[in-house]
Amino acid sequence: RDDVGIVLEIGRDDFLYKTNKKFREHLIDIKFPHIYAEYPGGHFWDANALRSLLTHLQYFKNTRS
């Protein structure tokens, strides 16, 4: 997609939660196109993370670089 530069999916219990929120505020300030979502949970590489990664790959498969 040409209209999205980055996808942020953040767990509310993640140790980087506050940092990611500040980063999102910066993206908004500079009008950088992005998708943002918050979910329950922390920073884990489990089945949910893999499913999310596969969804991103499918979503952006036609993105031009």
PDB file of N, CA and C in Angstrom:
ATOM      1  N   ARG A   1       0.836  -1.189   0.000  1.00  0.00           N
ATOM      2  CA  ARG A   1       0.000   0.000   0.000  1.00  0.00           C
ATOM      3  C   ARG A   1       0.867   1.233   0.000  1.00  0.00           C
ATOM      4  N   ASP A   2       0.495   2.179  -0.790  1.00  0.00           N
ATOM      5  CA  ASP A   2       1.238   3.433  -0.867  1.00  0.00           C
ATOM      6  C   ASP A   2       0.846   4.422   0.220  1.00  0.00           C
ATOM      7  N   ASP A   3      -0.311   4.210   0.853  1.00  0.00           N
ATOM      8  CA  ASP A   3      -0.817   5.181   1.818  1.00  0.00           C
ATOM      9  C   ASP A   3      -0.432   4.883   3.259  1.00  0.00           C
ATOM     10  N   VAL A   4       0.309   3.808   3.517  1.00  0.00           N
ATOM     11  CA  VAL A   4       0.711   3.438   4.871  1.00  0.00           C
ATOM     12  C   VAL A   4       2.206   3.180   4.892  1.00  0.00           C
ATOM     13  N   GLY A   5       2.899   3.836   5.835  1.00  0.00           N
ATOM     14  CA  GLY A   5       4.336   3.672   5.921  1.00  0.00           C
ATOM     15  C   GLY A   5       4.783   2.661   6.960  1.00  0.00           C
ATOM     16  N   ILE A   6       3.952   2.437   8.004  1.00  0.00           N
ATOM     17  CA  ILE A   6       4.333   1.536   9.081  1.00  0.00           C
ATOM     18  C   ILE A   6       3.072   1.061   9.803  1.00  0.00           C
ATOM     19  N   VAL A   7       3.144  -0.129  10.362  1.00  0.00           N
ATOM     20  CA  VAL A   7       2.065  -0.674  11.175  1.00  0.00           C
ATOM     21  C   VAL A   7       2.600  -0.876  12.586  1.00  0.00           C
ATOM     22  N   LEU A   8       1.891  -0.339  13.577  1.00  0.00           N
ATOM     23  CA  LEU A   8       2.258  -0.520  14.977  1.00  0.00           C
ATOM     24  C   LEU A   8       1.152  -1.299  15.669  1.00  0.00           C
ATOM     25  N   GLU A   9       1.477  -2.467  16.173  1.00  0.00           N
ATOM     26  CA  GLU A   9       0.551  -3.237  17.002  1.00  0.00           C
ATOM     27  C   GLU A   9       1.220  -3.378  18.352  1.00  0.00           C
ATOM     28  N   ILE A  10       0.570  -2.830  19.377  1.00  0.00           N
ATOM     29  CA  ILE A  10       1.204  -2.691  20.678  1.00  0.00           C
ATOM     30  C   ILE A  10       0.399  -3.426  21.735  1.00  0.00           C
ATOM     31  N   GLY A  11       1.095  -4.217  22.543  1.00  0.00           N
ATOM     32  CA  GLY A  11       0.480  -4.840  23.707  1.00  0.00           C
ATOM     33  C   GLY A  11       0.496  -3.859  24.867  1.00  0.00           C
ATOM     34  N   ARG A  12      -0.623  -3.728  25.549  1.00  0.00           N
ATOM     35  CA  ARG A  12      -0.712  -2.758  26.644  1.00  0.00           C
ATOM     36  C   ARG A  12       0.174  -3.107  27.831  1.00  0.00           C
ATOM     37  N   ASP A  13       0.617  -4.359  27.935  1.00  0.00           N
ATOM     38  CA  ASP A  13       1.514  -4.765  29.024  1.00  0.00           C
ATOM     39  C   ASP A  13       2.966  -4.846  28.567  1.00  0.00           C
ATOM     40  N   ASP A  14       3.238  -4.446  27.355  1.00  0.00           N
ATOM     41  CA  ASP A  14       4.590  -4.466  26.801  1.00  0.00           C
ATOM     42  C   ASP A  14       5.465  -3.457  27.536  1.00  0.00           C
ATOM     43  N   PHE A  15       6.705  -3.824  27.800  1.00  0.00           N
ATOM     44  CA  PHE A  15       7.628  -2.910  28.467  1.00  0.00           C
ATOM     45  C   PHE A  15       7.937  -1.684  27.611  1.00  0.00           C
ATOM     46  N   LEU A  16       7.654  -1.742  26.323  1.00  0.00           N
ATOM     47  CA  LEU A  16       7.868  -0.602  25.426  1.00  0.00           C
ATOM     48  C   LEU A  16       6.582   0.185  25.149  1.00  0.00           C
ATOM     49  N   TYR A  17       5.534  -0.082  25.900  1.00  0.00           N
ATOM     50  CA  TYR A  17       4.235   0.547  25.635  1.00  0.00           C
ATOM     51  C   TYR A  17       4.328   2.073  25.602  1.00  0.00           C
ATOM     52  N   LYS A  18       4.876   2.672  26.628  1.00  0.00           N
ATOM     53  CA  LYS A  18       4.949   4.141  26.695  1.00  0.00           C
ATOM     54  C   LYS A  18       5.811   4.697  25.561  1.00  0.00           C
ATOM     55  N   THR A  19       6.901   4.036  25.253  1.00  0.00           N
ATOM     56  CA  THR A  19       7.783   4.468  24.168  1.00  0.00           C
ATOM     57  C   THR A  19       7.048   4.407  22.831  1.00  0.00           C
ATOM     58  N   ASN A  20       6.316   3.330  22.602  1.00  0.00           N
ATOM     59  CA  ASN A  20       5.559   3.193  21.360  1.00  0.00           C
ATOM     60  C   ASN A  20       4.455   4.239  21.250  1.00  0.00           C
ATOM     61  N   LYS A  21       3.820   4.576  22.361  1.00  0.00           N
ATOM     62  CA  LYS A  21       2.789   5.624  22.339  1.00  0.00           C
ATOM     63  C   LYS A  21       3.411   6.968  21.955  1.00  0.00           C
ATOM     64  N   LYS A  22       4.593   7.275  22.505  1.00  0.00           N
ATOM     65  CA  LYS A  22       5.278   8.521  22.154  1.00  0.00           C
ATOM     66  C   LYS A  22       5.683   8.521  20.680  1.00  0.00           C
ATOM     67  N   PHE A  23       6.133   7.364  20.195  1.00  0.00           N
ATOM     68  CA  PHE A  23       6.500   7.247  18.792  1.00  0.00           C
ATOM     69  C   PHE A  23       5.289   7.517  17.908  1.00  0.00           C
ATOM     70  N   ARG A  24       4.137   6.971  18.291  1.00  0.00           N
ATOM     71  CA  ARG A  24       2.920   7.209  17.513  1.00  0.00           C
ATOM     72  C   ARG A  24       2.558   8.694  17.517  1.00  0.00           C
ATOM     73  N   GLU A  25       2.680   9.345  18.660  1.00  0.00           N
ATOM     74  CA  GLU A  25       2.409  10.782  18.723  1.00  0.00           C
ATOM     75  C   GLU A  25       3.315  11.548  17.763  1.00  0.00           C
ATOM     76  N   HIS A  26       4.568  11.123  17.672  1.00  0.00           N
ATOM     77  CA  HIS A  26       5.503  11.755  16.742  1.00  0.00           C
ATOM     78  C   HIS A  26       5.057  11.531  15.293  1.00  0.00           C
ATOM     79  N   LEU A  27       4.639  10.315  14.974  1.00  0.00           N
ATOM     80  CA  LEU A  27       4.163  10.024  13.616  1.00  0.00           C
ATOM     81  C   LEU A  27       2.968  10.905  13.257  1.00  0.00           C
ATOM     82  N   ILE A  28       2.091  11.105  14.213  1.00  0.00           N
ATOM     83  CA  ILE A  28       0.934  11.979  13.979  1.00  0.00           C
ATOM     84  C   ILE A  28       1.407  13.414  13.747  1.00  0.00           C
ATOM     85  N   ASP A  29       2.338  13.876  14.585  1.00  0.00           N
ATOM     86  CA  ASP A  29       2.851  15.249  14.458  1.00  0.00           C
ATOM     87  C   ASP A  29       3.463  15.520  13.085  1.00  0.00           C
ATOM     88  N   ILE A  30       4.185  14.530  12.560  1.00  0.00           N
ATOM     89  CA  ILE A  30       4.843  14.736  11.263  1.00  0.00           C
ATOM     90  C   ILE A  30       3.978  14.252  10.093  1.00  0.00           C
ATOM     91  N   LYS A  31       2.747  13.840  10.421  1.00  0.00           N
ATOM     92  CA  LYS A  31       1.785  13.382   9.413  1.00  0.00           C
ATOM     93  C   LYS A  31       2.307  12.194   8.600  1.00  0.00           C
ATOM     94  N   PHE A  32       2.966  11.273   9.294  1.00  0.00           N
ATOM     95  CA  PHE A  32       3.496  10.065   8.662  1.00  0.00           C
ATOM     96  C   PHE A  32       2.379   9.020   8.616  1.00  0.00           C
ATOM     97  N   PRO A  33       2.076   8.475   7.439  1.00  0.00           N
ATOM     98  CA  PRO A  33       0.971   7.515   7.325  1.00  0.00           C
ATOM     99  C   PRO A  33       1.272   6.212   8.063  1.00  0.00           C
ATOM    100  N   HIS A  34       0.359   5.804   8.924  1.00  0.00           N
ATOM    101  CA  HIS A  34       0.574   4.590   9.698  1.00  0.00           C
ATOM    102  C   HIS A  34      -0.757   3.984  10.136  1.00  0.00           C
ATOM    103  N   ILE A  35      -0.667   2.745  10.555  1.00  0.00           N
ATOM    104  CA  ILE A  35      -1.790   2.042  11.171  1.00  0.00           C
ATOM    105  C   ILE A  35      -1.364   1.733  12.593  1.00  0.00           C
ATOM    106  N   TYR A  36      -2.247   1.994  13.540  1.00  0.00           N
ATOM    107  CA  TYR A  36      -1.935   1.802  14.958  1.00  0.00           C
ATOM    108  C   TYR A  36      -3.032   0.973  15.605  1.00  0.00           C
ATOM    109  N   ALA A  37      -2.637  -0.013  16.402  1.00  0.00           N
ATOM    110  CA  ALA A  37      -3.604  -0.820  17.141  1.00  0.00           C
ATOM    111  C   ALA A  37      -3.002  -1.215  18.482  1.00  0.00           C
ATOM    112  N   GLU A  38      -3.829  -1.209  19.515  1.00  0.00           N
ATOM    113  CA  GLU A  38      -3.433  -1.668  20.848  1.00  0.00           C
ATOM    114  C   GLU A  38      -4.221  -2.918  21.188  1.00  0.00           C
ATOM    115  N   TYR A  39      -3.552  -3.847  21.873  1.00  0.00           N
ATOM    116  CA  TYR A  39      -4.182  -5.092  22.274  1.00  0.00           C
ATOM    117  C   TYR A  39      -3.773  -5.416  23.705  1.00  0.00           C
ATOM    118  N   PRO A  40      -4.554  -6.238  24.389  1.00  0.00           N
ATOM    119  CA  PRO A  40      -4.108  -6.714  25.702  1.00  0.00           C
ATOM    120  C   PRO A  40      -2.869  -7.584  25.527  1.00  0.00           C
ATOM    121  N   GLY A  41      -2.035  -7.607  26.535  1.00  0.00           N
ATOM    122  CA  GLY A  41      -0.875  -8.497  26.499  1.00  0.00           C
ATOM    123  C   GLY A  41       0.428  -7.754  26.454  1.00  0.00           C
ATOM    124  N   GLY A  42       1.506  -8.535  26.436  1.00  0.00           N
ATOM    125  CA  GLY A  42       2.852  -7.987  26.478  1.00  0.00           C
ATOM    126  C   GLY A  42       3.613  -8.233  25.201  1.00  0.00           C
ATOM    127  N   HIS A  43       4.908  -8.388  25.349  1.00  0.00           N
ATOM    128  CA  HIS A  43       5.829  -8.542  24.223  1.00  0.00           C
ATOM    129  C   HIS A  43       6.226 -10.010  24.129  1.00  0.00           C
ATOM    130  N   PHE A  44       5.482 -10.759  23.323  1.00  0.00           N
ATOM    131  CA  PHE A  44       5.722 -12.197  23.223  1.00  0.00           C
ATOM    132  C   PHE A  44       5.831 -12.609  21.766  1.00  0.00           C
ATOM    133  N   TRP A  45       6.689 -13.569  21.496  1.00  0.00           N
ATOM    134  CA  TRP A  45       6.760 -14.188  20.173  1.00  0.00           C
ATOM    135  C   TRP A  45       6.061 -15.534  20.282  1.00  0.00           C
ATOM    136  N   ASP A  46       4.746 -15.493  20.152  1.00  0.00           N
ATOM    137  CA  ASP A  46       3.945 -16.698  20.252  1.00  0.00           C
ATOM    138  C   ASP A  46       3.069 -16.832  19.006  1.00  0.00           C
ATOM    139  N   ALA A  47       2.060 -17.674  19.087  1.00  0.00           N
ATOM    140  CA  ALA A  47       1.185 -17.892  17.929  1.00  0.00           C
ATOM    141  C   ALA A  47       0.488 -16.601  17.500  1.00  0.00           C
ATOM    142  N   ASN A  48       0.114 -15.749  18.455  1.00  0.00           N
ATOM    143  CA  ASN A  48      -0.533 -14.490  18.096  1.00  0.00           C
ATOM    144  C   ASN A  48       0.405 -13.577  17.326  1.00  0.00           C
ATOM    145  N   ALA A  49       1.663 -13.527  17.737  1.00  0.00           N
ATOM    146  CA  ALA A  49       2.640 -12.696  17.028  1.00  0.00           C
ATOM    147  C   ALA A  49       2.863 -13.220  15.612  1.00  0.00           C
ATOM    148  N   LEU A  50       2.954 -14.522  15.473  1.00  0.00           N
ATOM    149  CA  LEU A  50       3.134 -15.118  14.147  1.00  0.00           C
ATOM    150  C   LEU A  50       1.915 -14.833  13.267  1.00  0.00           C
ATOM    151  N   ARG A  51       0.733 -14.966  13.819  1.00  0.00           N
ATOM    152  CA  ARG A  51      -0.495 -14.691  13.066  1.00  0.00           C
ATOM    153  C   ARG A  51      -0.522 -13.230  12.614  1.00  0.00           C
ATOM    154  N   SER A  52      -0.127 -12.336  13.498  1.00  0.00           N
ATOM    155  CA  SER A  52      -0.082 -10.914  13.158  1.00  0.00           C
ATOM    156  C   SER A  52       0.922 -10.664  12.035  1.00  0.00           C
ATOM    157  N   LEU A  53       2.094 -11.274  12.126  1.00  0.00           N
ATOM    158  CA  LEU A  53       3.112 -11.115  11.100  1.00  0.00           C
ATOM    159  C   LEU A  53       2.600 -11.616   9.749  1.00  0.00           C
ATOM    160  N   LEU A  54       1.957 -12.763   9.737  1.00  0.00           N
ATOM    161  CA  LEU A  54       1.415 -13.304   8.488  1.00  0.00           C
ATOM    162  C   LEU A  54       0.329 -12.395   7.919  1.00  0.00           C
ATOM    163  N   THR A  55      -0.480 -11.808   8.784  1.00  0.00           N
ATOM    164  CA  THR A  55      -1.499 -10.863   8.334  1.00  0.00           C
ATOM    165  C   THR A  55      -0.849  -9.657   7.678  1.00  0.00           C
ATOM    166  N   HIS A  56       0.219  -9.143   8.286  1.00  0.00           N
ATOM    167  CA  HIS A  56       0.924  -7.993   7.707  1.00  0.00           C
ATOM    168  C   HIS A  56       1.509  -8.341   6.344  1.00  0.00           C
ATOM    169  N   LEU A  57       2.109  -9.503   6.254  1.00  0.00           N
ATOM    170  CA  LEU A  57       2.698  -9.904   4.976  1.00  0.00           C
ATOM    171  C   LEU A  57       1.623 -10.000   3.891  1.00  0.00           C
ATOM    172  N   GLN A  58       0.478 -10.536   4.238  1.00  0.00           N
ATOM    173  CA  GLN A  58      -0.620 -10.632   3.275  1.00  0.00           C
ATOM    174  C   GLN A  58      -1.133  -9.237   2.906  1.00  0.00           C
ATOM    175  N   TYR A  59      -1.267  -8.381   3.880  1.00  0.00           N
ATOM    176  CA  TYR A  59      -1.808  -7.045   3.694  1.00  0.00           C
ATOM    177  C   TYR A  59      -0.926  -6.200   2.793  1.00  0.00           C
ATOM    178  N   PHE A  60       0.395  -6.345   2.949  1.00  0.00           N
ATOM    179  CA  PHE A  60       1.333  -5.509   2.218  1.00  0.00           C
ATOM    180  C   PHE A  60       2.012  -6.215   1.057  1.00  0.00           C
ATOM    181  N   LYS A  61       1.523  -7.375   0.657  1.00  0.00           N
ATOM    182  CA  LYS A  61       2.213  -8.146  -0.368  1.00  0.00           C
ATOM    183  C   LYS A  61       2.350  -7.406  -1.701  1.00  0.00           C
ATOM    184  N   ASN A  62       1.447  -6.489  -1.980  1.00  0.00           N
ATOM    185  CA  ASN A  62       1.515  -5.752  -3.245  1.00  0.00           C
ATOM    186  C   ASN A  62       2.147  -4.373  -3.101  1.00  0.00           C
ATOM    187  N   THR A  63       2.757  -4.111  -1.960  1.00  0.00           N
ATOM    188  CA  THR A  63       3.382  -2.815  -1.719  1.00  0.00           C
ATOM    189  C   THR A  63       4.619  -2.668  -2.605  1.00  0.00           C
ATOM    190  N   ARG A  64       4.720  -1.504  -3.237  1.00  0.00           N
ATOM    191  CA  ARG A  64       5.907  -1.224  -4.038  1.00  0.00           C
ATOM    192  C   ARG A  64       6.994  -0.634  -3.156  1.00  0.00           C
ATOM    193  N   SER A  65       8.244  -0.982  -3.432  1.00  0.00           N
ATOM    194  CA  SER A  65       9.337  -0.402  -2.639  1.00  0.00           C
ATOM    195  C   SER A  65      10.074   0.640  -3.428  1.00  0.00           C
TER     196      SER A  65
END
